């Protein structure tokens, strides 16, 4: 078995996955956020449009943060079993 990475290395690996996912996925979500904002503005519940859009974007980020954590754990597991190098 390969030596275990340090907690700092694991954190940096997670940070890399998180930044990469946000950098790749947020630009593709921008049109959906704009459309959602337009729909909310035209609805009867137009009060709090910004809050609703921020909540939508926050949920999107939470999902990709969870994916980044799973990817980090999977990469660490594969590295520990020598199926992947860090």
PDB file of N, CA and C in Angstrom:
ATOM      1  N   UNK A   1       0.828  -1.186   0.000  1.00  0.00           N
ATOM      2  CA  UNK A   1       0.000   0.000   0.000  1.00  0.00           C
ATOM      3  C   UNK A   1       0.870   1.246   0.000  1.00  0.00           C
ATOM      4  N   UNK A   2       0.357   2.263  -0.620  1.00  0.00           N
ATOM      5  CA  UNK A   2       1.064   3.551  -0.669  1.00  0.00           C
ATOM      6  C   UNK A   2       0.939   4.252   0.675  1.00  0.00           C
ATOM      7  N   UNK A   3       1.916   5.081   1.010  1.00  0.00           N
ATOM      8  CA  UNK A   3       1.791   5.836   2.260  1.00  0.00           C
ATOM      9  C   UNK A   3       0.602   6.792   2.188  1.00  0.00           C
ATOM     10  N   UNK A   4      -0.052   6.950   3.306  1.00  0.00           N
ATOM     11  CA  UNK A   4      -1.235   7.824   3.384  1.00  0.00           C
ATOM     12  C   UNK A   4      -0.824   9.287   3.238  1.00  0.00           C
ATOM     13  N   UNK A   5      -1.614  10.031   2.476  1.00  0.00           N
ATOM     14  CA  UNK A   5      -1.339  11.459   2.290  1.00  0.00           C
ATOM     15  C   UNK A   5      -1.655  12.214   3.581  1.00  0.00           C
ATOM     16  N   UNK A   6      -1.057  13.356   3.726  1.00  0.00           N
ATOM     17  CA  UNK A   6      -1.301  14.174   4.916  1.00  0.00           C
ATOM     18  C   UNK A   6      -2.677  14.836   4.826  1.00  0.00           C
ATOM     19  N   UNK A   7      -3.234  15.242   5.959  1.00  0.00           N
ATOM     20  CA  UNK A   7      -4.525  15.965   5.927  1.00  0.00           C
ATOM     21  C   UNK A   7      -4.449  17.233   5.070  1.00  0.00           C
ATOM     22  N   UNK A   8      -3.294  17.891   5.090  1.00  0.00           N
ATOM     23  CA  UNK A   8      -3.140  19.095   4.263  1.00  0.00           C
ATOM     24  C   UNK A   8      -3.240  18.749   2.782  1.00  0.00           C
ATOM     25  N   UNK A   9      -2.603  17.647   2.380  1.00  0.00           N
ATOM     26  CA  UNK A   9      -2.672  17.214   0.980  1.00  0.00           C
ATOM     27  C   UNK A   9      -4.098  16.830   0.612  1.00  0.00           C
ATOM     28  N   UNK A  10      -4.804  16.166   1.538  1.00  0.00           N
ATOM     29  CA  UNK A  10      -6.200  15.807   1.277  1.00  0.00           C
ATOM     30  C   UNK A  10      -7.067  17.063   1.126  1.00  0.00           C
ATOM     31  N   UNK A  11      -6.835  18.054   1.981  1.00  0.00           N
ATOM     32  CA  UNK A  11      -7.591  19.309   1.882  1.00  0.00           C
ATOM     33  C   UNK A  11      -7.306  20.014   0.553  1.00  0.00           C
ATOM     34  N   UNK A  12      -6.043  20.041   0.155  1.00  0.00           N
ATOM     35  CA  UNK A  12      -5.695  20.688  -1.109  1.00  0.00           C
ATOM     36  C   UNK A  12      -6.294  19.944  -2.300  1.00  0.00           C
ATOM     37  N   UNK A  13      -6.361  18.632  -2.216  1.00  0.00           N
ATOM     38  CA  UNK A  13      -6.989  17.842  -3.269  1.00  0.00           C
ATOM     39  C   UNK A  13      -8.481  18.173  -3.355  1.00  0.00           C
ATOM     40  N   UNK A  14      -9.138  18.269  -2.182  1.00  0.00           N
ATOM     41  CA  UNK A  14     -10.547  18.657  -2.157  1.00  0.00           C
ATOM     42  C   UNK A  14     -10.738  20.059  -2.727  1.00  0.00           C
ATOM     43  N   UNK A  15      -9.863  20.978  -2.338  1.00  0.00           N
ATOM     44  CA  UNK A  15      -9.948  22.355  -2.845  1.00  0.00           C
ATOM     45  C   UNK A  15      -9.795  22.381  -4.360  1.00  0.00           C
ATOM     46  N   UNK A  16      -8.893  21.565  -4.875  1.00  0.00           N
ATOM     47  CA  UNK A  16      -8.701  21.489  -6.329  1.00  0.00           C
ATOM     48  C   UNK A  16      -9.986  21.019  -7.010  1.00  0.00           C
ATOM     49  N   UNK A  17     -10.597  19.950  -6.480  1.00  0.00           N
ATOM     50  CA  UNK A  17     -11.839  19.451  -7.054  1.00  0.00           C
ATOM     51  C   UNK A  17     -12.949  20.501  -6.967  1.00  0.00           C
ATOM     52  N   UNK A  18     -13.037  21.178  -5.834  1.00  0.00           N
ATOM     53  CA  UNK A  18     -14.093  22.168  -5.647  1.00  0.00           C
ATOM     54  C   UNK A  18     -13.943  23.348  -6.604  1.00  0.00           C
ATOM     55  N   UNK A  19     -12.737  23.876  -6.711  1.00  0.00           N
ATOM     56  CA  UNK A  19     -12.504  25.007  -7.616  1.00  0.00           C
ATOM     57  C   UNK A  19     -12.753  24.584  -9.061  1.00  0.00           C
ATOM     58  N   UNK A  20     -12.306  23.386  -9.405  1.00  0.00           N
ATOM     59  CA  UNK A  20     -12.505  22.906 -10.774  1.00  0.00           C
ATOM     60  C   UNK A  20     -13.998  22.742 -11.084  1.00  0.00           C
ATOM     61  N   UNK A  21     -14.746  22.163 -10.167  1.00  0.00           N
ATOM     62  CA  UNK A  21     -16.180  21.962 -10.399  1.00  0.00           C
ATOM     63  C   UNK A  21     -16.917  23.292 -10.485  1.00  0.00           C
ATOM     64  N   UNK A  22     -16.604  24.215  -9.592  1.00  0.00           N
ATOM     65  CA  UNK A  22     -17.262  25.532  -9.652  1.00  0.00           C
ATOM     66  C   UNK A  22     -16.886  26.270 -10.930  1.00  0.00           C
ATOM     67  N   UNK A  23     -15.629  26.210 -11.287  1.00  0.00           N
ATOM     68  CA  UNK A  23     -15.168  26.894 -12.492  1.00  0.00           C
ATOM     69  C   UNK A  23     -15.788  26.338 -13.756  1.00  0.00           C
ATOM     70  N   UNK A  24     -16.060  25.049 -13.761  1.00  0.00           N
ATOM     71  CA  UNK A  24     -16.626  24.427 -14.956  1.00  0.00           C
ATOM     72  C   UNK A  24     -18.154  24.477 -14.971  1.00  0.00           C
ATOM     73  N   UNK A  25     -18.776  24.360 -13.799  1.00  0.00           N
ATOM     74  CA  UNK A  25     -20.216  24.186 -13.774  1.00  0.00           C
ATOM     75  C   UNK A  25     -21.014  25.477 -13.565  1.00  0.00           C
ATOM     76  N   UNK A  26     -20.465  26.442 -12.859  1.00  0.00           N
ATOM     77  CA  UNK A  26     -21.214  27.688 -12.653  1.00  0.00           C
ATOM     78  C   UNK A  26     -21.475  28.454 -13.948  1.00  0.00           C
ATOM     79  N   UNK A  27     -20.512  28.550 -14.865  1.00  0.00           N
ATOM     80  CA  UNK A  27     -20.832  29.250 -16.120  1.00  0.00           C
ATOM     81  C   UNK A  27     -21.977  28.599 -16.897  1.00  0.00           C
ATOM     82  N   UNK A  28     -22.069  27.275 -16.820  1.00  0.00           N
ATOM     83  CA  UNK A  28     -23.171  26.617 -17.530  1.00  0.00           C
ATOM     84  C   UNK A  28     -24.497  26.802 -16.797  1.00  0.00           C
ATOM     85  N   UNK A  29     -24.451  27.127 -15.497  1.00  0.00           N
ATOM     86  CA  UNK A  29     -25.677  27.344 -14.731  1.00  0.00           C
ATOM     87  C   UNK A  29     -26.168  28.786 -14.837  1.00  0.00           C
ATOM     88  N   UNK A  30     -25.328  29.699 -15.287  1.00  0.00           N
ATOM     89  CA  UNK A  30     -25.706  31.113 -15.357  1.00  0.00           C
ATOM     90  C   UNK A  30     -26.986  31.343 -16.165  1.00  0.00           C
ATOM     91  N   UNK A  31     -27.155  30.749 -17.343  1.00  0.00           N
ATOM     92  CA  UNK A  31     -28.421  30.946 -18.061  1.00  0.00           C
ATOM     93  C   UNK A  31     -29.639  30.442 -17.272  1.00  0.00           C
ATOM     94  N   UNK A  32     -29.486  29.324 -16.582  1.00  0.00           N
ATOM     95  CA  UNK A  32     -30.604  28.802 -15.786  1.00  0.00           C
ATOM     96  C   UNK A  32     -30.933  29.753 -14.646  1.00  0.00           C
ATOM     97  N   UNK A  33     -29.914  30.320 -14.028  1.00  0.00           N
ATOM     98  CA  UNK A  33     -30.146  31.286 -12.948  1.00  0.00           C
ATOM     99  C   UNK A  33     -30.870  32.528 -13.471  1.00  0.00           C
ATOM    100  N   UNK A  34     -30.464  33.007 -14.632  1.00  0.00           N
ATOM    101  CA  UNK A  34     -31.111  34.178 -15.219  1.00  0.00           C
ATOM    102  C   UNK A  34     -32.565  33.890 -15.599  1.00  0.00           C
ATOM    103  N   UNK A  35     -32.809  32.719 -16.164  1.00  0.00           N
ATOM    104  CA  UNK A  35     -34.184  32.345 -16.521  1.00  0.00           C
ATOM    105  C   UNK A  35     -35.031  32.207 -15.266  1.00  0.00           C
ATOM    106  N   UNK A  36     -34.475  31.571 -14.238  1.00  0.00           N
ATOM    107  CA  UNK A  36     -35.212  31.423 -12.977  1.00  0.00           C
ATOM    108  C   UNK A  36     -35.550  32.791 -12.388  1.00  0.00           C
ATOM    109  N   UNK A  37     -34.596  33.715 -12.420  1.00  0.00           N
ATOM    110  CA  UNK A  37     -34.847  35.065 -11.899  1.00  0.00           C
ATOM    111  C   UNK A  37     -35.968  35.744 -12.683  1.00  0.00           C
ATOM    112  N   UNK A  38     -35.964  35.590 -14.000  1.00  0.00           N
ATOM    113  CA  UNK A  38     -37.016  36.197 -14.823  1.00  0.00           C
ATOM    114  C   UNK A  38     -38.381  35.590 -14.508  1.00  0.00           C
ATOM    115  N   UNK A  39     -38.422  34.290 -14.305  1.00  0.00           N
ATOM    116  CA  UNK A  39     -39.691  33.621 -13.985  1.00  0.00           C
ATOM    117  C   UNK A  39     -40.214  34.092 -12.628  1.00  0.00           C
ATOM    118  N   UNK A  40     -39.325  34.180 -11.638  1.00  0.00           N
ATOM    119  CA  UNK A  40     -39.748  34.615 -10.306  1.00  0.00           C
ATOM    120  C   UNK A  40     -40.237  36.058 -10.349  1.00  0.00           C
ATOM    121  N   UNK A  41     -39.551  36.915 -11.117  1.00  0.00           N
ATOM    122  CA  UNK A  41     -39.969  38.321 -11.215  1.00  0.00           C
ATOM    123  C   UNK A  41     -41.363  38.459 -11.812  1.00  0.00           C
ATOM    124  N   UNK A  42     -41.716  37.550 -12.716  1.00  0.00           N
ATOM    125  CA  UNK A  42     -43.025  37.623 -13.372  1.00  0.00           C
ATOM    126  C   UNK A  42     -44.118  36.895 -12.590  1.00  0.00           C
ATOM    127  N   UNK A  43     -43.755  36.162 -11.561  1.00  0.00           N
ATOM    128  CA  UNK A  43     -44.740  35.402 -10.794  1.00  0.00           C
ATOM    129  C   UNK A  43     -45.398  36.290  -9.743  1.00  0.00           C
ATOM    130  N   UNK A  44     -46.372  35.711  -9.064  1.00  0.00           N
ATOM    131  CA  UNK A  44     -47.070  36.444  -8.004  1.00  0.00           C
ATOM    132  C   UNK A  44     -46.159  36.635  -6.793  1.00  0.00           C
ATOM    133  N   UNK A  45     -45.156  35.797  -6.648  1.00  0.00           N
ATOM    134  CA  UNK A  45     -44.258  35.837  -5.489  1.00  0.00           C
ATOM    135  C   UNK A  45     -42.960  36.559  -5.826  1.00  0.00           C
ATOM    136  N   UNK A  46     -43.058  37.725  -6.452  1.00  0.00           N
ATOM    137  CA  UNK A  46     -41.848  38.413  -6.893  1.00  0.00           C
ATOM    138  C   UNK A  46     -41.009  38.986  -5.765  1.00  0.00           C
ATOM    139  N   UNK A  47     -41.589  39.136  -4.592  1.00  0.00           N
ATOM    140  CA  UNK A  47     -40.809  39.633  -3.455  1.00  0.00           C
ATOM    141  C   UNK A  47     -39.730  38.614  -3.103  1.00  0.00           C
ATOM    142  N   UNK A  48     -38.543  39.092  -2.902  1.00  0.00           N
ATOM    143  CA  UNK A  48     -37.444  38.197  -2.540  1.00  0.00           C
ATOM    144  C   UNK A  48     -36.836  37.463  -3.716  1.00  0.00           C
ATOM    145  N   UNK A  49     -36.883  38.061  -4.894  1.00  0.00           N
ATOM    146  CA  UNK A  49     -36.314  37.411  -6.078  1.00  0.00           C
ATOM    147  C   UNK A  49     -34.840  37.105  -5.871  1.00  0.00           C
ATOM    148  N   UNK A  50     -34.088  38.079  -5.383  1.00  0.00           N
ATOM    149  CA  UNK A  50     -32.653  37.867  -5.198  1.00  0.00           C
ATOM    150  C   UNK A  50     -32.385  36.732  -4.213  1.00  0.00           C
ATOM    151  N   UNK A  51     -33.164  36.685  -3.143  1.00  0.00           N
ATOM    152  CA  UNK A  51     -32.983  35.620  -2.150  1.00  0.00           C
ATOM    153  C   UNK A  51     -33.238  34.249  -2.764  1.00  0.00           C
ATOM    154  N   UNK A  52     -34.268  34.158  -3.577  1.00  0.00           N
ATOM    155  CA  UNK A  52     -34.589  32.876  -4.228  1.00  0.00           C
ATOM    156  C   UNK A  52     -33.504  32.470  -5.217  1.00  0.00           C
ATOM    157  N   UNK A  53     -32.979  33.413  -5.963  1.00  0.00           N
ATOM    158  CA  UNK A  53     -31.923  33.099  -6.926  1.00  0.00           C
ATOM    159  C   UNK A  53     -30.649  32.685  -6.193  1.00  0.00           C
ATOM    160  N   UNK A  54     -30.322  33.396  -5.105  1.00  0.00           N
ATOM    161  CA  UNK A  54     -29.145  33.014  -4.308  1.00  0.00           C
ATOM    162  C   UNK A  54     -29.328  31.626  -3.700  1.00  0.00           C
ATOM    163  N   UNK A  55     -30.534  31.303  -3.268  1.00  0.00           N
ATOM    164  CA  UNK A  55     -30.795  29.976  -2.711  1.00  0.00           C
ATOM    165  C   UNK A  55     -30.624  28.903  -3.786  1.00  0.00           C
ATOM    166  N   UNK A  56     -31.111  29.181  -4.983  1.00  0.00           N
ATOM    167  CA  UNK A  56     -30.957  28.260  -6.107  1.00  0.00           C
ATOM    168  C   UNK A  56     -29.476  28.051  -6.425  1.00  0.00           C
ATOM    169  N   UNK A  57     -28.727  29.134  -6.510  1.00  0.00           N
ATOM    170  CA  UNK A  57     -27.287  29.041  -6.782  1.00  0.00           C
ATOM    171  C   UNK A  57     -26.560  28.339  -5.633  1.00  0.00           C
ATOM    172  N   UNK A  58     -26.972  28.620  -4.403  1.00  0.00           N
ATOM    173  CA  UNK A  58     -26.360  27.958  -3.251  1.00  0.00           C
ATOM    174  C   UNK A  58     -26.601  26.461  -3.262  1.00  0.00           C
ATOM    175  N   UNK A  59     -27.809  26.057  -3.593  1.00  0.00           N
ATOM    176  CA  UNK A  59     -28.106  24.628  -3.712  1.00  0.00           C
ATOM    177  C   UNK A  59     -27.258  23.968  -4.781  1.00  0.00           C
ATOM    178  N   UNK A  60     -27.086  24.667  -5.892  1.00  0.00           N
ATOM    179  CA  UNK A  60     -26.246  24.171  -6.980  1.00  0.00           C
ATOM    180  C   UNK A  60     -24.807  23.981  -6.486  1.00  0.00           C
ATOM    181  N   UNK A  61     -24.306  24.957  -5.737  1.00  0.00           N
ATOM    182  CA  UNK A  61     -22.947  24.850  -5.197  1.00  0.00           C
ATOM    183  C   UNK A  61     -22.829  23.743  -4.158  1.00  0.00           C
ATOM    184  N   UNK A  62     -23.855  23.539  -3.357  1.00  0.00           N
ATOM    185  CA  UNK A  62     -23.828  22.458  -2.364  1.00  0.00           C
ATOM    186  C   UNK A  62     -23.715  21.102  -3.057  1.00  0.00           C
ATOM    187  N   UNK A  63     -24.468  20.921  -4.122  1.00  0.00           N
ATOM    188  CA  UNK A  63     -24.415  19.655  -4.856  1.00  0.00           C
ATOM    189  C   UNK A  63     -23.016  19.422  -5.425  1.00  0.00           C
ATOM    190  N   UNK A  64     -22.413  20.436  -6.022  1.00  0.00           N
ATOM    191  CA  UNK A  64     -21.081  20.267  -6.595  1.00  0.00           C
ATOM    192  C   UNK A  64     -20.004  20.170  -5.526  1.00  0.00           C
ATOM    193  N   UNK A  65     -20.238  20.750  -4.363  1.00  0.00           N
ATOM    194  CA  UNK A  65     -19.313  20.569  -3.240  1.00  0.00           C
ATOM    195  C   UNK A  65     -19.359  19.121  -2.763  1.00  0.00           C
ATOM    196  N   UNK A  66     -20.556  18.562  -2.676  1.00  0.00           N
ATOM    197  CA  UNK A  66     -20.693  17.155  -2.290  1.00  0.00           C
ATOM    198  C   UNK A  66     -20.018  16.249  -3.321  1.00  0.00           C
ATOM    199  N   UNK A  67     -20.207  16.558  -4.604  1.00  0.00           N
ATOM    200  CA  UNK A  67     -19.542  15.778  -5.647  1.00  0.00           C
ATOM    201  C   UNK A  67     -18.025  15.866  -5.497  1.00  0.00           C
ATOM    202  N   UNK A  68     -17.524  17.057  -5.194  1.00  0.00           N
ATOM    203  CA  UNK A  68     -16.080  17.243  -5.026  1.00  0.00           C
ATOM    204  C   UNK A  68     -15.558  16.420  -3.855  1.00  0.00           C
ATOM    205  N   UNK A  69     -16.327  16.341  -2.782  1.00  0.00           N
ATOM    206  CA  UNK A  69     -15.925  15.532  -1.635  1.00  0.00           C
ATOM    207  C   UNK A  69     -15.875  14.049  -2.007  1.00  0.00           C
ATOM    208  N   UNK A  70     -16.894  13.586  -2.718  1.00  0.00           N
ATOM    209  CA  UNK A  70     -16.911  12.183  -3.159  1.00  0.00           C
ATOM    210  C   UNK A  70     -15.739  11.911  -4.102  1.00  0.00           C
ATOM    211  N   UNK A  71     -15.477  12.812  -5.027  1.00  0.00           N
ATOM    212  CA  UNK A  71     -14.357  12.637  -5.954  1.00  0.00           C
ATOM    213  C   UNK A  71     -13.030  12.602  -5.202  1.00  0.00           C
ATOM    214  N   UNK A  72     -12.883  13.440  -4.174  1.00  0.00           N
ATOM    215  CA  UNK A  72     -11.663  13.453  -3.367  1.00  0.00           C
ATOM    216  C   UNK A  72     -11.490  12.125  -2.647  1.00  0.00           C
ATOM    217  N   UNK A  73     -12.554  11.646  -2.028  1.00  0.00           N
ATOM    218  CA  UNK A  73     -12.482  10.373  -1.313  1.00  0.00           C
ATOM    219  C   UNK A  73     -12.186   9.222  -2.262  1.00  0.00           C
ATOM    220  N   UNK A  74     -12.816   9.219  -3.419  1.00  0.00           N
ATOM    221  CA  UNK A  74     -12.576   8.170  -4.406  1.00  0.00           C
ATOM    222  C   UNK A  74     -11.144   8.221  -4.933  1.00  0.00           C
ATOM    223  N   UNK A  75     -10.643   9.403  -5.196  1.00  0.00           N
ATOM    224  CA  UNK A  75      -9.269   9.532  -5.659  1.00  0.00           C
ATOM    225  C   UNK A  75      -8.294   9.043  -4.589  1.00  0.00           C
ATOM    226  N   UNK A  76      -8.554   9.366  -3.323  1.00  0.00           N
ATOM    227  CA  UNK A  76      -7.712   8.889  -2.234  1.00  0.00           C
ATOM    228  C   UNK A  76      -7.760   7.376  -2.108  1.00  0.00           C
ATOM    229  N   UNK A  77      -8.947   6.797  -2.226  1.00  0.00           N
ATOM    230  CA  UNK A  77      -9.096   5.345  -2.162  1.00  0.00           C
ATOM    231  C   UNK A  77      -8.345   4.664  -3.300  1.00  0.00           C
ATOM    232  N   UNK A  78      -8.496   5.192  -4.496  1.00  0.00           N
ATOM    233  CA  UNK A  78      -7.786   4.606  -5.640  1.00  0.00           C
ATOM    234  C   UNK A  78      -6.276   4.770  -5.504  1.00  0.00           C
ATOM    235  N   UNK A  79      -5.829   5.874  -4.949  1.00  0.00           N
ATOM    236  CA  UNK A  79      -4.392   6.069  -4.729  1.00  0.00           C
ATOM    237  C   UNK A  79      -3.878   5.110  -3.652  1.00  0.00           C
ATOM    238  N   UNK A  80      -4.680   4.892  -2.616  1.00  0.00           N
ATOM    239  CA  UNK A  80      -4.278   3.977  -1.546  1.00  0.00           C
ATOM    240  C   UNK A  80      -4.151   2.542  -2.036  1.00  0.00           C
ATOM    241  N   UNK A  81      -4.957   2.166  -3.005  1.00  0.00           N
ATOM    242  CA  UNK A  81      -4.913   0.803  -3.542  1.00  0.00           C
ATOM    243  C   UNK A  81      -3.978   0.698  -4.746  1.00  0.00           C
ATOM    244  N   UNK A  82      -3.244   1.769  -4.987  1.00  0.00           N
ATOM    245  CA  UNK A  82      -2.251   1.835  -6.074  1.00  0.00           C
ATOM    246  C   UNK A  82      -2.868   1.681  -7.463  1.00  0.00           C
ATOM    247  N   UNK A  83      -4.141   2.019  -7.597  1.00  0.00           N
ATOM    248  CA  UNK A  83      -4.786   2.012  -8.904  1.00  0.00           C
ATOM    249  C   UNK A  83      -4.695   3.365  -9.593  1.00  0.00           C
ATOM    250  N   UNK A  84      -4.226   4.364  -8.835  1.00  0.00           N
ATOM    251  CA  UNK A  84      -4.126   5.724  -9.348  1.00  0.00           C
ATOM    252  C   UNK A  84      -3.014   6.424  -8.583  1.00  0.00           C
ATOM    253  N   UNK A  85      -2.264   7.261  -9.267  1.00  0.00           N
ATOM    254  CA  UNK A  85      -1.244   8.027  -8.562  1.00  0.00           C
ATOM    255  C   UNK A  85      -1.795   9.416  -8.278  1.00  0.00           C
ATOM    256  N   UNK A  86      -1.328  10.015  -7.187  1.00  0.00           N
ATOM    257  CA  UNK A  86      -1.818  11.338  -6.819  1.00  0.00           C
ATOM    258  C   UNK A  86      -1.217  12.367  -7.681  1.00  0.00           C
TER     259      UNK A  86
END
